[in-house]
Amino acid sequence: MKYKRILLKLSGESAGGPDGTGIDAGVLTAYAQQVKSVVSMGCQVAIVIGGGNIFRGLGSSGEGYDRLKGDQMGMLATVINSLALESFLTRAGCSAKVFTSIRMEPVGELYIRDRVSSALECGCVCILAGGTGNPFFTTDTAAALRAVELNCDVMLKGTRVDGVYTADPEKEPTAVRYETLTFAEALEKKLRVMDRTAFAMCSENSMPVIVFDMNREGNLGAVVSGSSQGTLITP
């Protein structure tokens, strides 16, 4: 096992299945089984899941919402997804717990770094909900922040494709996948992997990021074991 402690970032759209909306039980069941498999290997797993399948804060102002309120609604959407994921992990036989960035007991325990770190060491899958707790920050930035705070070995960004490409492979069949990238190259090439704030957080704190296909069974275990899956982005 190459990585002992990971931060797994999942998109809300992936939880919504093929349509990217609502909550797809089949997808979360498969995710829970993959997480369970790496926990059984001794890997400590923290998870941040987005909320785009329920509500997307960014851009909501164009629909009449105040940006701040829209982002707060997006934070609550991540809590809904986190609770759903917790349920499926528990059903799969994993110890799992939701920690929220703002007080929301009894829905979840308030995120405190040392408490989450202790829970990880005990084999509990910690699902970190509510983003950073502040508007104007994406869940990618929240994931980068938590990965750094928790001294994770790597941040894993689970997507529907097997890495970072020169163009969207779902729209451009001739797109070529990158095996490795630096954060500077990703920004220079304007590759839409994460937002600039998340890139800066990872780059300045030497936090590597691996973008991989989470929807392929066994891929999470392969990445944790050190197998060459997806695209590795380094400072």
C-alpha atoms as a PDB file:
ATOM      1  CA  MET A   1       0.000   0.000   0.000  1.00  0.00           C
ATOM      2  CA  LYS A   2       1.566   3.276  -1.139  1.00  0.00           C
ATOM      3  CA  TYR A   3      -0.789   5.736   0.556  1.00  0.00           C
ATOM      4  CA  LYS A   4      -1.727   5.281   4.206  1.00  0.00           C
ATOM      5  CA  ARG A   5      -4.014   8.312   4.555  1.00  0.00           C
ATOM      6  CA  ILE A   6      -6.014   9.754   1.646  1.00  0.00           C
ATOM      7  CA  LEU A   7      -8.524  12.511   0.998  1.00  0.00           C
ATOM      8  CA  LEU A   8     -11.026  11.263  -1.576  1.00  0.00           C
ATOM      9  CA  LYS A   9     -12.894  14.014  -3.420  1.00  0.00           C
ATOM     10  CA  LEU A  10     -16.119  12.923  -5.127  1.00  0.00           C
ATOM     11  CA  SER A  11     -18.340  15.107  -7.264  1.00  0.00           C
ATOM     12  CA  GLY A  12     -21.998  15.519  -6.445  1.00  0.00           C
ATOM     13  CA  GLU A  13     -22.878  14.804 -10.076  1.00  0.00           C
ATOM     14  CA  SER A  14     -21.259  11.364  -9.826  1.00  0.00           C
ATOM     15  CA  ALA A  15     -23.578  10.517  -6.932  1.00  0.00           C
ATOM     16  CA  GLY A  16     -26.478  11.387  -9.200  1.00  0.00           C
ATOM     17  CA  GLY A  17     -25.698   8.573 -11.629  1.00  0.00           C
ATOM     18  CA  PRO A  18     -26.027   8.926 -15.410  1.00  0.00           C
ATOM     19  CA  ASP A  19     -28.279  11.996 -15.159  1.00  0.00           C
ATOM     20  CA  GLY A  20     -26.122  13.721 -12.550  1.00  0.00           C
ATOM     21  CA  THR A  21     -29.162  14.597 -10.467  1.00  0.00           C
ATOM     22  CA  GLY A  22     -30.706  13.136  -7.327  1.00  0.00           C
ATOM     23  CA  ILE A  23     -28.975  10.294  -5.479  1.00  0.00           C
ATOM     24  CA  ASP A  24     -28.256   7.036  -7.300  1.00  0.00           C
ATOM     25  CA  ALA A  25     -28.251   4.107  -4.863  1.00  0.00           C
ATOM     26  CA  GLY A  26     -26.285   1.912  -7.259  1.00  0.00           C
ATOM     27  CA  VAL A  27     -23.460   4.420  -7.553  1.00  0.00           C
ATOM     28  CA  LEU A  28     -23.177   4.966  -3.805  1.00  0.00           C
ATOM     29  CA  THR A  29     -23.287   1.212  -3.178  1.00  0.00           C
ATOM     30  CA  ALA A  30     -20.364   0.738  -5.569  1.00  0.00           C
ATOM     31  CA  TYR A  31     -18.437   3.631  -4.009  1.00  0.00           C
ATOM     32  CA  ALA A  32     -18.989   2.229  -0.525  1.00  0.00           C
ATOM     33  CA  GLN A  33     -17.625  -1.163  -1.574  1.00  0.00           C
ATOM     34  CA  GLN A  34     -14.497   0.423  -3.033  1.00  0.00           C
ATOM     35  CA  VAL A  35     -13.919   2.482   0.098  1.00  0.00           C
ATOM     36  CA  LYS A  36     -14.468  -0.584   2.261  1.00  0.00           C
ATOM     37  CA  SER A  37     -11.845  -2.483   0.288  1.00  0.00           C
ATOM     38  CA  VAL A  38      -9.129   0.124   0.890  1.00  0.00           C
ATOM     39  CA  VAL A  39     -10.063   0.503   4.569  1.00  0.00           C
ATOM     40  CA  SER A  40      -9.592  -3.256   4.914  1.00  0.00           C
ATOM     41  CA  MET A  41      -6.090  -2.742   3.493  1.00  0.00           C
ATOM     42  CA  GLY A  42      -5.342  -0.389   6.390  1.00  0.00           C
ATOM     43  CA  CYS A  43      -5.838   2.859   4.500  1.00  0.00           C
ATOM     44  CA  GLN A  44      -7.286   5.824   6.411  1.00  0.00           C
ATOM     45  CA  VAL A  45      -9.986   7.538   4.331  1.00  0.00           C
ATOM     46  CA  ALA A  46     -11.439  11.031   4.565  1.00  0.00           C
ATOM     47  CA  ILE A  47     -14.045  11.998   1.955  1.00  0.00           C
ATOM     48  CA  VAL A  48     -15.347  15.288   0.622  1.00  0.00           C
ATOM     49  CA  ILE A  49     -18.349  15.034  -1.707  1.00  0.00           C
ATOM     50  CA  GLY A  50     -19.837  17.909  -3.670  1.00  0.00           C
ATOM     51  CA  GLY A  51     -23.495  18.848  -3.941  1.00  0.00           C
ATOM     52  CA  GLY A  52     -23.974  19.649  -7.624  1.00  0.00           C
ATOM     53  CA  ASN A  53     -26.505  16.852  -8.071  1.00  0.00           C
ATOM     54  CA  ILE A  54     -28.825  18.712  -5.693  1.00  0.00           C
ATOM     55  CA  PHE A  55     -27.906  22.381  -5.974  1.00  0.00           C
ATOM     56  CA  ARG A  56     -25.014  24.279  -7.526  1.00  0.00           C
ATOM     57  CA  GLY A  57     -24.208  27.516  -5.716  1.00  0.00           C
ATOM     58  CA  LEU A  58     -21.868  28.900  -8.368  1.00  0.00           C
ATOM     59  CA  GLY A  59     -23.978  30.514 -11.066  1.00  0.00           C
ATOM     60  CA  SER A  60     -27.135  30.532  -8.973  1.00  0.00           C
ATOM     61  CA  SER A  61     -27.025  34.339  -8.838  1.00  0.00           C
ATOM     62  CA  GLY A  62     -27.949  34.301 -12.518  1.00  0.00           C
ATOM     63  CA  GLU A  63     -31.160  32.534 -11.550  1.00  0.00           C
ATOM     64  CA  GLY A  64     -32.117  35.179  -9.012  1.00  0.00           C
ATOM     65  CA  TYR A  65     -30.338  33.873  -5.914  1.00  0.00           C
ATOM     66  CA  ASP A  66     -27.994  36.017  -3.895  1.00  0.00           C
ATOM     67  CA  ARG A  67     -24.491  34.481  -4.339  1.00  0.00           C
ATOM     68  CA  LEU A  68     -23.920  34.101  -0.615  1.00  0.00           C
ATOM     69  CA  LYS A  69     -27.277  32.382  -0.090  1.00  0.00           C
ATOM     70  CA  GLY A  70     -26.698  30.214  -3.139  1.00  0.00           C
ATOM     71  CA  ASP A  71     -23.364  29.024  -1.773  1.00  0.00           C
ATOM     72  CA  GLN A  72     -24.940  28.290   1.596  1.00  0.00           C
ATOM     73  CA  MET A  73     -27.587  26.194  -0.151  1.00  0.00           C
ATOM     74  CA  GLY A  74     -24.777  24.373  -1.945  1.00  0.00           C
ATOM     75  CA  MET A  75     -23.100  23.655   1.404  1.00  0.00           C
ATOM     76  CA  LEU A  76     -26.322  22.089   2.680  1.00  0.00           C
ATOM     77  CA  ALA A  77     -26.504  19.974  -0.476  1.00  0.00           C
ATOM     78  CA  THR A  78     -23.097  18.493   0.380  1.00  0.00           C
ATOM     79  CA  VAL A  79     -24.432  17.571   3.810  1.00  0.00           C
ATOM     80  CA  ILE A  80     -27.324  15.660   2.220  1.00  0.00           C
ATOM     81  CA  ASN A  81     -24.910  13.726  -0.001  1.00  0.00           C
ATOM     82  CA  SER A  82     -22.593  13.084   2.937  1.00  0.00           C
ATOM     83  CA  LEU A  83     -25.418  11.608   5.012  1.00  0.00           C
ATOM     84  CA  ALA A  84     -26.414   9.392   2.104  1.00  0.00           C
ATOM     85  CA  LEU A  85     -22.839   8.187   1.657  1.00  0.00           C
ATOM     86  CA  GLU A  86     -22.547   7.545   5.396  1.00  0.00           C
ATOM     87  CA  SER A  87     -25.635   5.325   5.214  1.00  0.00           C
ATOM     88  CA  PHE A  88     -24.244   3.254   2.344  1.00  0.00           C
ATOM     89  CA  LEU A  89     -20.841   2.902   4.010  1.00  0.00           C
ATOM     90  CA  THR A  90     -22.486   1.739   7.229  1.00  0.00           C
ATOM     91  CA  ARG A  91     -24.569  -0.748   5.276  1.00  0.00           C
ATOM     92  CA  ALA A  92     -21.373  -2.031   3.657  1.00  0.00           C
ATOM     93  CA  GLY A  93     -19.898  -2.686   7.088  1.00  0.00           C
ATOM     94  CA  CYS A  94     -17.664   0.388   7.406  1.00  0.00           C
ATOM     95  CA  SER A  95     -17.428   2.598  10.434  1.00  0.00           C
ATOM     96  CA  ALA A  96     -18.335   6.048   9.061  1.00  0.00           C
ATOM     97  CA  LYS A  97     -19.121   9.460  10.484  1.00  0.00           C
ATOM     98  CA  VAL A  98     -20.138  12.855   9.088  1.00  0.00           C
ATOM     99  CA  PHE A  99     -18.300  15.960  10.281  1.00  0.00           C
ATOM    100  CA  THR A 100     -19.711  19.354   9.307  1.00  0.00           C
ATOM    101  CA  SER A 101     -17.853  22.634   8.844  1.00  0.00           C
ATOM    102  CA  ILE A 102     -20.577  24.519  10.747  1.00  0.00           C
ATOM    103  CA  ARG A 103     -22.500  23.394  13.822  1.00  0.00           C
ATOM    104  CA  MET A 104     -25.264  21.036  12.794  1.00  0.00           C
ATOM    105  CA  GLU A 105     -25.639  18.556  15.639  1.00  0.00           C
ATOM    106  CA  PRO A 106     -27.180  15.988  15.667  1.00  0.00           C
ATOM    107  CA  VAL A 107     -26.875  15.786  11.866  1.00  0.00           C
ATOM    108  CA  GLY A 108     -23.088  15.616  12.143  1.00  0.00           C
ATOM    109  CA  GLU A 109     -20.263  16.436  14.523  1.00  0.00           C
ATOM    110  CA  LEU A 110     -18.484  19.765  14.153  1.00  0.00           C
ATOM    111  CA  TYR A 111     -15.227  19.387  12.205  1.00  0.00           C
ATOM    112  CA  ILE A 112     -12.207  19.672  14.469  1.00  0.00           C
ATOM    113  CA  ARG A 113      -8.946  18.554  12.894  1.00  0.00           C
ATOM    114  CA  ASP A 114      -7.593  16.557  15.834  1.00  0.00           C
ATOM    115  CA  ARG A 115     -10.886  14.716  16.408  1.00  0.00           C
ATOM    116  CA  VAL A 116     -11.100  13.746  12.746  1.00  0.00           C
ATOM    117  CA  SER A 117      -7.460  12.639  12.731  1.00  0.00           C
ATOM    118  CA  SER A 118      -8.074  10.430  15.763  1.00  0.00           C
ATOM    119  CA  ALA A 119     -11.168   8.926  14.154  1.00  0.00           C
ATOM    120  CA  LEU A 120      -9.177   8.152  10.998  1.00  0.00           C
ATOM    121  CA  GLU A 121      -6.522   6.380  13.043  1.00  0.00           C
ATOM    122  CA  CYS A 122      -9.273   4.206  14.529  1.00  0.00           C
ATOM    123  CA  GLY A 123     -10.399   3.090  11.075  1.00  0.00           C
ATOM    124  CA  CYS A 124     -13.436   5.361  10.804  1.00  0.00           C
ATOM    125  CA  VAL A 125     -14.229   6.785   7.363  1.00  0.00           C
ATOM    126  CA  CYS A 126     -14.665  10.498   7.964  1.00  0.00           C
ATOM    127  CA  ILE A 127     -17.003  12.341   5.584  1.00  0.00           C
ATOM    128  CA  LEU A 128     -16.319  16.069   5.708  1.00  0.00           C
ATOM    129  CA  ALA A 129     -19.441  18.032   4.782  1.00  0.00           C
ATOM    130  CA  GLY A 130     -20.337  21.680   4.295  1.00  0.00           C
ATOM    131  CA  GLY A 131     -17.293  22.735   2.298  1.00  0.00           C
ATOM    132  CA  THR A 132     -15.054  25.187   4.136  1.00  0.00           C
ATOM    133  CA  GLY A 133     -18.083  26.661   5.915  1.00  0.00           C
ATOM    134  CA  ASN A 134     -17.657  29.887   3.956  1.00  0.00           C
ATOM    135  CA  PRO A 135     -19.182  31.142   0.700  1.00  0.00           C
ATOM    136  CA  PHE A 136     -17.096  31.725  -2.443  1.00  0.00           C
ATOM    137  CA  PHE A 137     -15.078  28.522  -1.926  1.00  0.00           C
ATOM    138  CA  THR A 138     -15.652  25.334  -3.923  1.00  0.00           C
ATOM    139  CA  THR A 139     -15.678  21.802  -2.551  1.00  0.00           C
ATOM    140  CA  ASP A 140     -12.418  21.235  -4.469  1.00  0.00           C
ATOM    141  CA  THR A 141     -10.855  23.953  -2.330  1.00  0.00           C
ATOM    142  CA  ALA A 142     -12.423  22.417   0.783  1.00  0.00           C
ATOM    143  CA  ALA A 143     -10.960  19.039  -0.166  1.00  0.00           C
ATOM    144  CA  ALA A 144      -7.507  20.552  -0.710  1.00  0.00           C
ATOM    145  CA  LEU A 145      -7.705  22.365   2.627  1.00  0.00           C
ATOM    146  CA  ARG A 146      -8.757  19.243   4.540  1.00  0.00           C
ATOM    147  CA  ALA A 147      -6.107  17.117   2.817  1.00  0.00           C
ATOM    148  CA  VAL A 148      -3.423  19.539   3.982  1.00  0.00           C
ATOM    149  CA  GLU A 149      -4.887  19.942   7.494  1.00  0.00           C
ATOM    150  CA  LEU A 150      -5.103  16.183   8.023  1.00  0.00           C
ATOM    151  CA  ASN A 151      -1.605  15.515   6.677  1.00  0.00           C
ATOM    152  CA  CYS A 152      -2.916  13.191   3.992  1.00  0.00           C
ATOM    153  CA  ASP A 153      -0.418  11.486   1.692  1.00  0.00           C
ATOM    154  CA  VAL A 154      -2.415  12.367  -1.405  1.00  0.00           C
ATOM    155  CA  MET A 155      -5.666  13.930  -2.570  1.00  0.00           C
ATOM    156  CA  LEU A 156      -7.597  11.638  -4.909  1.00  0.00           C
ATOM    157  CA  LYS A 157     -10.122  13.247  -7.233  1.00  0.00           C
ATOM    158  CA  GLY A 158     -12.586  10.588  -8.381  1.00  0.00           C
ATOM    159  CA  THR A 159     -14.265  11.435 -11.677  1.00  0.00           C
ATOM    160  CA  ARG A 160     -16.073   9.726 -14.553  1.00  0.00           C
ATOM    161  CA  VAL A 161     -12.948   9.658 -16.741  1.00  0.00           C
ATOM    162  CA  ASP A 162      -9.553   8.055 -16.203  1.00  0.00           C
ATOM    163  CA  GLY A 163      -7.479  11.184 -15.765  1.00  0.00           C
ATOM    164  CA  VAL A 164      -6.800  14.632 -17.177  1.00  0.00           C
ATOM    165  CA  TYR A 165      -7.037  15.045 -20.949  1.00  0.00           C
ATOM    166  CA  THR A 166      -6.057  17.693 -23.468  1.00  0.00           C
ATOM    167  CA  ALA A 167      -9.806  18.191 -24.021  1.00  0.00           C
ATOM    168  CA  ASP A 168     -13.049  16.732 -22.701  1.00  0.00           C
ATOM    169  CA  PRO A 169     -12.800  13.039 -23.761  1.00  0.00           C
ATOM    170  CA  GLU A 170     -16.579  12.699 -23.563  1.00  0.00           C
ATOM    171  CA  LYS A 171     -16.895  15.342 -26.291  1.00  0.00           C
ATOM    172  CA  GLU A 172     -13.581  15.069 -28.158  1.00  0.00           C
ATOM    173  CA  PRO A 173     -12.581  11.459 -29.032  1.00  0.00           C
ATOM    174  CA  THR A 174      -9.078  12.515 -30.118  1.00  0.00           C
ATOM    175  CA  ALA A 175      -8.242  13.957 -26.684  1.00  0.00           C
ATOM    176  CA  VAL A 176      -4.996  12.628 -25.176  1.00  0.00           C
ATOM    177  CA  ARG A 177      -4.570  11.708 -21.514  1.00  0.00           C
ATOM    178  CA  TYR A 178      -1.720  13.122 -19.451  1.00  0.00           C
ATOM    179  CA  GLU A 179       0.199  10.624 -17.323  1.00  0.00           C
ATOM    180  CA  THR A 180       1.731  13.368 -15.173  1.00  0.00           C
ATOM    181  CA  LEU A 181       1.415  17.138 -14.843  1.00  0.00           C
ATOM    182  CA  THR A 182       2.642  19.910 -12.602  1.00  0.00           C
ATOM    183  CA  PHE A 183       0.186  22.366 -11.085  1.00  0.00           C
ATOM    184  CA  ALA A 184       1.833  25.120 -13.115  1.00  0.00           C
ATOM    185  CA  GLU A 185       1.322  23.167 -16.365  1.00  0.00           C
ATOM    186  CA  ALA A 186      -2.321  22.477 -15.534  1.00  0.00           C
ATOM    187  CA  LEU A 187      -2.933  26.186 -14.950  1.00  0.00           C
ATOM    188  CA  GLU A 188      -0.966  27.224 -18.029  1.00  0.00           C
ATOM    189  CA  LYS A 189      -2.877  24.802 -20.243  1.00  0.00           C
ATOM    190  CA  LYS A 190      -6.149  25.933 -18.622  1.00  0.00           C
ATOM    191  CA  LEU A 191      -7.119  22.366 -17.798  1.00  0.00           C
ATOM    192  CA  ARG A 192     -10.339  22.404 -15.814  1.00  0.00           C
ATOM    193  CA  VAL A 193      -9.320  19.974 -13.096  1.00  0.00           C
ATOM    194  CA  MET A 194      -9.820  22.148 -10.022  1.00  0.00           C
ATOM    195  CA  ASP A 195     -10.211  25.858  -9.361  1.00  0.00           C
ATOM    196  CA  ARG A 196      -7.162  28.088  -8.891  1.00  0.00           C
ATOM    197  CA  THR A 197      -7.573  28.311  -5.124  1.00  0.00           C
ATOM    198  CA  ALA A 198      -7.499  24.516  -4.780  1.00  0.00           C
ATOM    199  CA  PHE A 199      -4.462  24.352  -7.078  1.00  0.00           C
ATOM    200  CA  ALA A 200      -2.673  26.978  -4.988  1.00  0.00           C
ATOM    201  CA  MET A 201      -3.451  25.184  -1.725  1.00  0.00           C
ATOM    202  CA  CYS A 202      -2.077  21.874  -3.017  1.00  0.00           C
ATOM    203  CA  SER A 203       0.917  23.412  -4.773  1.00  0.00           C
ATOM    204  CA  GLU A 204       2.055  25.555  -1.847  1.00  0.00           C
ATOM    205  CA  ASN A 205       1.749  22.614   0.564  1.00  0.00           C
ATOM    206  CA  SER A 206       3.249  19.945  -1.719  1.00  0.00           C
ATOM    207  CA  MET A 207       0.017  17.932  -1.773  1.00  0.00           C
ATOM    208  CA  PRO A 208      -0.035  15.628  -4.828  1.00  0.00           C
ATOM    209  CA  VAL A 209      -3.337  15.076  -6.616  1.00  0.00           C
ATOM    210  CA  ILE A 210      -4.360  12.013  -8.614  1.00  0.00           C
ATOM    211  CA  VAL A 211      -7.332  12.316 -10.974  1.00  0.00           C
ATOM    212  CA  PHE A 212      -8.808   8.887 -11.757  1.00  0.00           C
ATOM    213  CA  ASP A 213     -11.959   7.043 -12.801  1.00  0.00           C
ATOM    214  CA  MET A 214     -13.868   6.239  -9.617  1.00  0.00           C
ATOM    215  CA  ASN A 215     -16.633   4.504 -11.550  1.00  0.00           C
ATOM    216  CA  ARG A 216     -14.401   1.615 -12.615  1.00  0.00           C
ATOM    217  CA  GLU A 217     -14.582  -1.156 -10.019  1.00  0.00           C
ATOM    218  CA  GLY A 218     -11.340  -1.642  -8.118  1.00  0.00           C
ATOM    219  CA  ASN A 219      -9.707   1.579  -9.305  1.00  0.00           C
ATOM    220  CA  LEU A 220      -9.576   3.149  -5.848  1.00  0.00           C
ATOM    221  CA  GLY A 221      -7.706   0.149  -4.486  1.00  0.00           C
ATOM    222  CA  ALA A 222      -5.326   0.212  -7.439  1.00  0.00           C
ATOM    223  CA  VAL A 223      -4.504   3.890  -6.866  1.00  0.00           C
ATOM    224  CA  VAL A 224      -3.973   3.419  -3.133  1.00  0.00           C
ATOM    225  CA  SER A 225      -1.663   0.489  -3.872  1.00  0.00           C
ATOM    226  CA  GLY A 226       0.449   2.680  -6.138  1.00  0.00           C
ATOM    227  CA  SER A 227      -0.700   1.345  -9.495  1.00  0.00           C
ATOM    228  CA  SER A 228      -0.436   3.846 -12.361  1.00  0.00           C
ATOM    229  CA  GLN A 229      -4.058   4.904 -12.718  1.00  0.00           C
ATOM    230  CA  GLY A 230      -5.245   8.293 -13.912  1.00  0.00           C
ATOM    231  CA  THR A 231      -3.134  11.466 -13.930  1.00  0.00           C
ATOM    232  CA  LEU A 232      -0.691  12.457 -11.202  1.00  0.00           C
ATOM    233  CA  ILE A 233      -0.382  16.217 -10.591  1.00  0.00           C
ATOM    234  CA  THR A 234       2.564  17.400  -8.522  1.00  0.00           C
ATOM    235  CA  PRO A 235       4.089  20.766  -7.495  1.00  0.00           C
END
